[in-house]
Amino acid sequence: MDEHYVAANKFGPDYYMARFTMDCSTTKDGYFDVLVFDRDGPETYVEIGICVDPPYRTKRLAHVARCGHVNVFYHNRFRCMNYPLN
């Protein structure tokens, strides 16, 4: 079993989880940027997927996540998923 395996991961072995504890009232209308790095460095291509319609466009190479939701991003890909925690 992978040393990074988390039982709550419903997506499979090639997905990694990060859990953030944050005050959603400090975000931009409930959204925030997420920068993804792996052993080779930061992602080289990020485009906001259709699962998120944030009230702003990031000026950085970043995904935009919705606070209080499960956000699933695909490394260097357009595809994403977003759904409420409940």
C-alpha atoms as a PDB file:
ATOM      1  CA  MET A   1       0.000   0.000   0.000  1.00  0.00           C
ATOM      2  CA  ASP A   2       1.241   3.507  -0.859  1.00  0.00           C
ATOM      3  CA  GLU A   3       2.618   5.398   2.144  1.00  0.00           C
ATOM      4  CA  HIS A   4       0.454   8.393   1.143  1.00  0.00           C
ATOM      5  CA  TYR A   5      -2.794   6.386   1.070  1.00  0.00           C
ATOM      6  CA  VAL A   6      -5.689   7.939   3.004  1.00  0.00           C
ATOM      7  CA  ALA A   7      -8.792   5.826   3.673  1.00  0.00           C
ATOM      8  CA  ALA A   8     -11.098   8.803   2.958  1.00  0.00           C
ATOM      9  CA  ASN A   9      -9.738   8.977  -0.603  1.00  0.00           C
ATOM     10  CA  LYS A  10     -12.605   7.787  -2.810  1.00  0.00           C
ATOM     11  CA  PHE A  11     -10.819   8.439  -6.095  1.00  0.00           C
ATOM     12  CA  GLY A  12      -8.012   5.877  -6.158  1.00  0.00           C
ATOM     13  CA  PRO A  13      -4.273   5.458  -5.687  1.00  0.00           C
ATOM     14  CA  ASP A  14      -3.191   8.185  -8.136  1.00  0.00           C
ATOM     15  CA  TYR A  15      -5.050  10.908  -6.217  1.00  0.00           C
ATOM     16  CA  TYR A  16      -3.552  12.739  -3.266  1.00  0.00           C
ATOM     17  CA  MET A  17      -5.458  14.645  -0.615  1.00  0.00           C
ATOM     18  CA  ALA A  18      -4.795  17.918   1.147  1.00  0.00           C
ATOM     19  CA  ARG A  19      -7.078  19.140   3.883  1.00  0.00           C
ATOM     20  CA  PHE A  20      -7.260  22.842   4.653  1.00  0.00           C
ATOM     21  CA  THR A  21      -8.647  24.397   7.802  1.00  0.00           C
ATOM     22  CA  MET A  22      -9.542  27.942   6.915  1.00  0.00           C
ATOM     23  CA  ASP A  23     -12.010  30.719   7.528  1.00  0.00           C
ATOM     24  CA  CYS A  24     -14.096  30.918   4.347  1.00  0.00           C
ATOM     25  CA  SER A  25     -15.056  34.516   5.170  1.00  0.00           C
ATOM     26  CA  THR A  26     -11.446  35.544   4.463  1.00  0.00           C
ATOM     27  CA  THR A  27     -11.585  34.262   0.873  1.00  0.00           C
ATOM     28  CA  LYS A  28     -12.654  36.111  -2.271  1.00  0.00           C
ATOM     29  CA  ASP A  29     -16.399  35.322  -2.283  1.00  0.00           C
ATOM     30  CA  GLY A  30     -15.663  31.775  -1.064  1.00  0.00           C
ATOM     31  CA  TYR A  31     -12.893  30.957  -3.564  1.00  0.00           C
ATOM     32  CA  PHE A  32      -9.114  30.693  -3.238  1.00  0.00           C
ATOM     33  CA  ASP A  33      -6.116  29.784  -5.404  1.00  0.00           C
ATOM     34  CA  VAL A  34      -4.358  26.432  -5.108  1.00  0.00           C
ATOM     35  CA  LEU A  35      -0.839  25.991  -6.446  1.00  0.00           C
ATOM     36  CA  VAL A  36       0.124  22.370  -7.154  1.00  0.00           C
ATOM     37  CA  PHE A  37       3.713  21.143  -6.972  1.00  0.00           C
ATOM     38  CA  ASP A  38       5.158  17.679  -7.413  1.00  0.00           C
ATOM     39  CA  ARG A  39       8.734  16.408  -7.336  1.00  0.00           C
ATOM     40  CA  ASP A  40       9.373  18.069 -10.725  1.00  0.00           C
ATOM     41  CA  GLY A  41       8.151  21.477  -9.566  1.00  0.00           C
ATOM     42  CA  PRO A  42       4.956  23.443 -10.215  1.00  0.00           C
ATOM     43  CA  GLU A  43       2.374  22.585 -12.830  1.00  0.00           C
ATOM     44  CA  THR A  44       3.207  24.028 -16.227  1.00  0.00           C
ATOM     45  CA  TYR A  45      -0.364  24.444 -17.478  1.00  0.00           C
ATOM     46  CA  VAL A  46      -3.520  25.234 -15.568  1.00  0.00           C
ATOM     47  CA  GLU A  47      -6.855  26.339 -16.946  1.00  0.00           C
ATOM     48  CA  ILE A  48      -9.923  26.731 -14.762  1.00  0.00           C
ATOM     49  CA  GLY A  49     -12.275  23.843 -15.409  1.00  0.00           C
ATOM     50  CA  ILE A  50     -16.005  24.076 -15.975  1.00  0.00           C
ATOM     51  CA  CYS A  51     -16.731  22.772 -12.463  1.00  0.00           C
ATOM     52  CA  VAL A  52     -15.828  26.143 -10.957  1.00  0.00           C
ATOM     53  CA  ASP A  53     -17.180  29.565 -11.855  1.00  0.00           C
ATOM     54  CA  PRO A  54     -15.209  31.841  -9.547  1.00  0.00           C
ATOM     55  CA  PRO A  55     -15.970  35.549  -9.213  1.00  0.00           C
ATOM     56  CA  TYR A  56     -12.438  36.329 -10.413  1.00  0.00           C
ATOM     57  CA  ARG A  57      -9.718  34.980 -12.700  1.00  0.00           C
ATOM     58  CA  THR A  58      -6.405  34.161 -11.119  1.00  0.00           C
ATOM     59  CA  LYS A  59      -3.328  35.896 -12.500  1.00  0.00           C
ATOM     60  CA  ARG A  60      -1.120  33.054 -11.301  1.00  0.00           C
ATOM     61  CA  LEU A  61      -0.627  29.539 -12.558  1.00  0.00           C
ATOM     62  CA  ALA A  62      -3.204  28.174 -10.113  1.00  0.00           C
ATOM     63  CA  HIS A  63      -6.387  26.203  -9.767  1.00  0.00           C
ATOM     64  CA  VAL A  64      -9.305  28.010  -8.160  1.00  0.00           C
ATOM     65  CA  ALA A  65     -10.982  26.092  -5.333  1.00  0.00           C
ATOM     66  CA  ARG A  66     -14.282  26.685  -3.584  1.00  0.00           C
ATOM     67  CA  CYS A  67     -14.099  26.931   0.196  1.00  0.00           C
ATOM     68  CA  GLY A  68     -16.178  24.336   2.073  1.00  0.00           C
ATOM     69  CA  HIS A  69     -16.238  21.976  -0.929  1.00  0.00           C
ATOM     70  CA  VAL A  70     -14.281  18.958  -2.090  1.00  0.00           C
ATOM     71  CA  ASN A  71     -12.208  20.174  -5.032  1.00  0.00           C
ATOM     72  CA  VAL A  72     -10.549  17.607  -7.302  1.00  0.00           C
ATOM     73  CA  PHE A  73      -7.946  18.854  -9.771  1.00  0.00           C
ATOM     74  CA  TYR A  74      -6.057  16.958 -12.431  1.00  0.00           C
ATOM     75  CA  HIS A  75      -2.362  17.754 -12.738  1.00  0.00           C
ATOM     76  CA  ASN A  76      -1.668  19.863 -15.850  1.00  0.00           C
ATOM     77  CA  ARG A  77      -5.201  19.275 -17.152  1.00  0.00           C
ATOM     78  CA  PHE A  78      -8.406  21.231 -17.684  1.00  0.00           C
ATOM     79  CA  ARG A  79     -10.618  18.659 -15.960  1.00  0.00           C
ATOM     80  CA  CYS A  80     -11.817  19.148 -12.381  1.00  0.00           C
ATOM     81  CA  MET A  81     -14.596  18.165  -9.978  1.00  0.00           C
ATOM     82  CA  ASN A  82     -16.233  20.151  -7.199  1.00  0.00           C
ATOM     83  CA  TYR A  83     -18.964  19.181  -4.759  1.00  0.00           C
ATOM     84  CA  PRO A  84     -20.170  20.205  -1.264  1.00  0.00           C
ATOM     85  CA  LEU A  85     -18.765  18.442   1.786  1.00  0.00           C
ATOM     86  CA  ASN A  86     -22.217  17.432   3.001  1.00  0.00           C
END
